[in-house]
C-alpha atoms as a PDB file:
ATOM      1  CA  MET A   1     130.458  58.152  86.786  1.00  0.00           C
ATOM      2  CA  ARG A   2     128.910  56.542  83.828  1.00  0.00           C
ATOM      3  CA  ALA A   3     132.428  56.302  82.132  1.00  0.00           C
ATOM      4  CA  ALA A   4     134.210  55.113  85.255  1.00  0.00           C
ATOM      5  CA  ARG A   5     131.635  52.251  85.564  1.00  0.00           C
ATOM      6  CA  CYS A   6     132.086  51.578  81.742  1.00  0.00           C
ATOM      7  CA  PHE A   7     135.923  51.272  82.183  1.00  0.00           C
ATOM      8  CA  VAL A   8     136.089  49.089  85.167  1.00  0.00           C
ATOM      9  CA  GLY A   9     133.520  46.747  83.646  1.00  0.00           C
ATOM     10  CA  LYS A  10     135.419  46.005  80.703  1.00  0.00           C
ATOM     11  CA  ALA A  11     136.824  42.601  80.299  1.00  0.00           C
ATOM     12  CA  GLY A  12     140.474  42.293  81.762  1.00  0.00           C
ATOM     13  CA  VAL A  13     139.781  45.324  84.055  1.00  0.00           C
ATOM     14  CA  ALA A  14     136.786  43.960  85.835  1.00  0.00           C
ATOM     15  CA  ASP A  15     138.617  40.951  86.888  1.00  0.00           C
ATOM     16  CA  SER A  16     141.745  42.916  88.168  1.00  0.00           C
ATOM     17  CA  ALA A  17     142.361  42.486  91.779  1.00  0.00           C
ATOM     18  CA  VAL A  18     142.252  46.164  92.453  1.00  0.00           C
ATOM     19  CA  VAL A  19     138.714  46.469  90.772  1.00  0.00           C
ATOM     20  CA  THR A  20     137.339  43.252  92.649  1.00  0.00           C
ATOM     21  CA  ARG A  21     138.506  44.936  95.874  1.00  0.00           C
ATOM     22  CA  GLY A  22     137.015  48.205  95.263  1.00  0.00           C
ATOM     23  CA  ALA A  23     140.529  49.727  95.440  1.00  0.00           C
ATOM     24  CA  VAL A  24     139.938  52.267  92.474  1.00  0.00           C
ATOM     25  CA  ALA A  25     140.119  55.979  93.109  1.00  0.00           C
ATOM     26  CA  PRO A  26     137.933  57.655  90.061  1.00  0.00           C
ATOM     27  CA  ILE A  27     138.130  61.256  89.376  1.00  0.00           C
ATOM     28  CA  ILE A  28     134.616  62.135  88.968  1.00  0.00           C
ATOM     29  CA  GLY A  29     132.841  65.622  88.327  1.00  0.00           C
ATOM     30  CA  GLN A  30     133.906  68.174  85.916  1.00  0.00           C
ATOM     31  CA  GLU A  31     135.595  70.470  88.405  1.00  0.00           C
ATOM     32  CA  PHE A  32     137.527  67.523  89.800  1.00  0.00           C
ATOM     33  CA  VAL A  33     138.722  66.342  86.343  1.00  0.00           C
ATOM     34  CA  TYR A  34     139.609  69.788  85.153  1.00  0.00           C
ATOM     35  CA  SER A  35     141.612  70.323  88.619  1.00  0.00           C
ATOM     36  CA  VAL A  36     143.968  67.139  88.213  1.00  0.00           C
ATOM     37  CA  SER A  37     144.125  66.530  84.379  1.00  0.00           C
ATOM     38  CA  PRO A  38     146.433  68.291  83.307  1.00  0.00           C
ATOM     39  CA  PRO A  39     147.169  70.039  86.633  1.00  0.00           C
ATOM     40  CA  THR A  40     148.281  73.591  86.892  1.00  0.00           C
ATOM     41  CA  GLY A  41     149.886  75.280  89.753  1.00  0.00           C
ATOM     42  CA  LEU A  42     146.415  76.814  90.923  1.00  0.00           C
ATOM     43  CA  SER A  43     144.298  73.889  90.064  1.00  0.00           C
ATOM     44  CA  LEU A  44     146.430  71.154  91.672  1.00  0.00           C
ATOM     45  CA  LYS A  45     146.443  73.024  94.906  1.00  0.00           C
ATOM     46  CA  TRP A  46     142.763  72.613  94.996  1.00  0.00           C
ATOM     47  CA  GLY A  47     142.269  69.219  93.823  1.00  0.00           C
ATOM     48  CA  LEU A  48     145.432  67.331  95.401  1.00  0.00           C
ATOM     49  CA  SER A  49     144.132  67.008  98.841  1.00  0.00           C
ATOM     50  CA  ARG A  50     140.824  65.296  97.596  1.00  0.00           C
ATOM     51  CA  TYR A  51     142.533  63.145  95.168  1.00  0.00           C
ATOM     52  CA  LEU A  52     145.082  61.941  98.018  1.00  0.00           C
ATOM     53  CA  ASP A  53     141.930  61.146 100.205  1.00  0.00           C
ATOM     54  CA  LEU A  54     140.648  58.794  97.333  1.00  0.00           C
ATOM     55  CA  LEU A  55     143.868  57.174  96.765  1.00  0.00           C
ATOM     56  CA  ALA A  56     144.302  56.636 100.550  1.00  0.00           C
ATOM     57  CA  LYS A  57     140.867  54.919 100.653  1.00  0.00           C
ATOM     58  CA  ALA A  58     141.669  52.764  97.646  1.00  0.00           C
ATOM     59  CA  ALA A  59     144.960  51.821  99.331  1.00  0.00           C
ATOM     60  CA  GLU A  60     143.091  50.556 102.231  1.00  0.00           C
ATOM     61  CA  LYS A  61     140.872  48.397 100.412  1.00  0.00           C
ATOM     62  CA  ALA A  62     143.851  47.190  98.456  1.00  0.00           C
ATOM     63  CA  GLY A  63     145.484  46.177 101.562  1.00  0.00           C
ATOM     64  CA  GLY A  64     148.107  48.718 101.370  1.00  0.00           C
END
């Protein structure tokens, strides 16, 4: 979580529309990170629905 906060706090990133709206879908947690980067046939099946939920929430906040 600390790395995600550090990234969105950087100059240029912090002022972007998606960050100011809270429309960010961070991948946090060792198991979650391992499941989607880089994805494999088995791990992607485990993490994809979770990531799609995060993306949907971010899209709502972005107005999309």
